[in-house]
């Protein structure tokens, strides 16, 4: 699996997790959703994503976007 698909999967999982945590644990977990969204926006402009660096170090194959 290439890095692009891993990043989309990771971002989607983080958004879903934050929605569940917001609904069942604390409304303050909405800030996790805000952080993930801001990071997605920032990485679409700059091409830099800290999570992508971590997944590259773990051996993910390079993709087109990252």
C-alpha atoms as a PDB file:
ATOM      1  CA  UNK A   1       0.000   0.000   0.000  1.00  0.00           C
ATOM      2  CA  UNK A   2       1.398   3.387  -0.951  1.00  0.00           C
ATOM      3  CA  UNK A   3       1.851   6.335   1.373  1.00  0.00           C
ATOM      4  CA  UNK A   4      -1.046   8.299  -0.148  1.00  0.00           C
ATOM      5  CA  UNK A   5      -3.585   5.604   0.669  1.00  0.00           C
ATOM      6  CA  UNK A   6      -2.139   5.160   4.152  1.00  0.00           C
ATOM      7  CA  UNK A   7      -2.448   8.897   4.788  1.00  0.00           C
ATOM      8  CA  UNK A   8      -6.067   9.018   3.581  1.00  0.00           C
ATOM      9  CA  UNK A   9      -6.880   6.015   5.760  1.00  0.00           C
ATOM     10  CA  UNK A  10      -5.129   7.510   8.793  1.00  0.00           C
ATOM     11  CA  UNK A  11      -6.815  10.915   8.393  1.00  0.00           C
ATOM     12  CA  UNK A  12     -10.237   9.311   7.970  1.00  0.00           C
ATOM     13  CA  UNK A  13      -9.724   7.102  11.004  1.00  0.00           C
ATOM     14  CA  UNK A  14      -8.659  10.090  13.100  1.00  0.00           C
ATOM     15  CA  UNK A  15     -11.752  12.084  12.072  1.00  0.00           C
ATOM     16  CA  UNK A  16     -14.060   9.159  12.830  1.00  0.00           C
ATOM     17  CA  UNK A  17     -12.345   8.538  16.166  1.00  0.00           C
ATOM     18  CA  UNK A  18     -12.637  12.190  17.139  1.00  0.00           C
ATOM     19  CA  UNK A  19     -16.348  12.244  16.274  1.00  0.00           C
ATOM     20  CA  UNK A  20     -16.984   9.171  18.417  1.00  0.00           C
ATOM     21  CA  UNK A  21     -14.942  10.601  21.293  1.00  0.00           C
ATOM     22  CA  UNK A  22     -16.777  13.929  20.997  1.00  0.00           C
ATOM     23  CA  UNK A  23     -20.158  12.203  21.100  1.00  0.00           C
ATOM     24  CA  UNK A  24     -19.468   9.767  23.922  1.00  0.00           C
ATOM     25  CA  UNK A  25     -16.621  11.141  26.053  1.00  0.00           C
ATOM     26  CA  UNK A  26     -16.265  14.912  25.958  1.00  0.00           C
ATOM     27  CA  UNK A  27     -17.231  17.734  23.602  1.00  0.00           C
ATOM     28  CA  UNK A  28     -13.652  19.001  23.845  1.00  0.00           C
ATOM     29  CA  UNK A  29     -12.531  16.195  21.538  1.00  0.00           C
ATOM     30  CA  UNK A  30     -13.948  18.293  18.694  1.00  0.00           C
ATOM     31  CA  UNK A  31     -10.573  20.053  18.802  1.00  0.00           C
ATOM     32  CA  UNK A  32      -8.966  16.845  17.534  1.00  0.00           C
ATOM     33  CA  UNK A  33     -11.221  17.094  14.471  1.00  0.00           C
ATOM     34  CA  UNK A  34     -10.195  20.735  14.037  1.00  0.00           C
ATOM     35  CA  UNK A  35      -6.514  19.800  14.288  1.00  0.00           C
ATOM     36  CA  UNK A  36      -6.834  16.997  11.722  1.00  0.00           C
ATOM     37  CA  UNK A  37      -8.720  19.275   9.331  1.00  0.00           C
ATOM     38  CA  UNK A  38      -6.181  22.065   9.709  1.00  0.00           C
ATOM     39  CA  UNK A  39      -3.327  19.632   9.099  1.00  0.00           C
ATOM     40  CA  UNK A  40      -5.041  18.292   5.960  1.00  0.00           C
ATOM     41  CA  UNK A  41      -5.524  21.844   4.686  1.00  0.00           C
ATOM     42  CA  UNK A  42      -1.926  22.800   5.457  1.00  0.00           C
ATOM     43  CA  UNK A  43      -0.486  19.667   3.846  1.00  0.00           C
ATOM     44  CA  UNK A  44      -2.543  20.204   0.680  1.00  0.00           C
ATOM     45  CA  UNK A  45      -0.890  23.609   0.256  1.00  0.00           C
ATOM     46  CA  UNK A  46       2.662  22.881   1.390  1.00  0.00           C
ATOM     47  CA  UNK A  47       3.019  19.148   0.726  1.00  0.00           C
ATOM     48  CA  UNK A  48       4.461  18.693   4.222  1.00  0.00           C
ATOM     49  CA  UNK A  49       2.794  16.275   6.618  1.00  0.00           C
ATOM     50  CA  UNK A  50       4.429  15.080   9.847  1.00  0.00           C
ATOM     51  CA  UNK A  51       2.473  11.818   9.797  1.00  0.00           C
ATOM     52  CA  UNK A  52       3.733  11.117   6.271  1.00  0.00           C
ATOM     53  CA  UNK A  53       7.305  11.417   7.519  1.00  0.00           C
ATOM     54  CA  UNK A  54       6.588   8.880  10.252  1.00  0.00           C
ATOM     55  CA  UNK A  55       4.984   6.431   7.828  1.00  0.00           C
ATOM     56  CA  UNK A  56       7.931   6.852   5.422  1.00  0.00           C
ATOM     57  CA  UNK A  57      10.330   5.971   8.243  1.00  0.00           C
ATOM     58  CA  UNK A  58       8.198   2.898   8.953  1.00  0.00           C
ATOM     59  CA  UNK A  59       8.741   1.744   5.374  1.00  0.00           C
ATOM     60  CA  UNK A  60       5.674   2.875   3.411  1.00  0.00           C
ATOM     61  CA  UNK A  61       6.191   3.104  -0.334  1.00  0.00           C
ATOM     62  CA  UNK A  62       6.222   6.634  -1.756  1.00  0.00           C
ATOM     63  CA  UNK A  63       3.081   7.891  -3.408  1.00  0.00           C
ATOM     64  CA  UNK A  64       2.282  10.755  -5.756  1.00  0.00           C
ATOM     65  CA  UNK A  65       1.249  13.352  -3.163  1.00  0.00           C
ATOM     66  CA  UNK A  66       3.707  12.742  -0.333  1.00  0.00           C
END
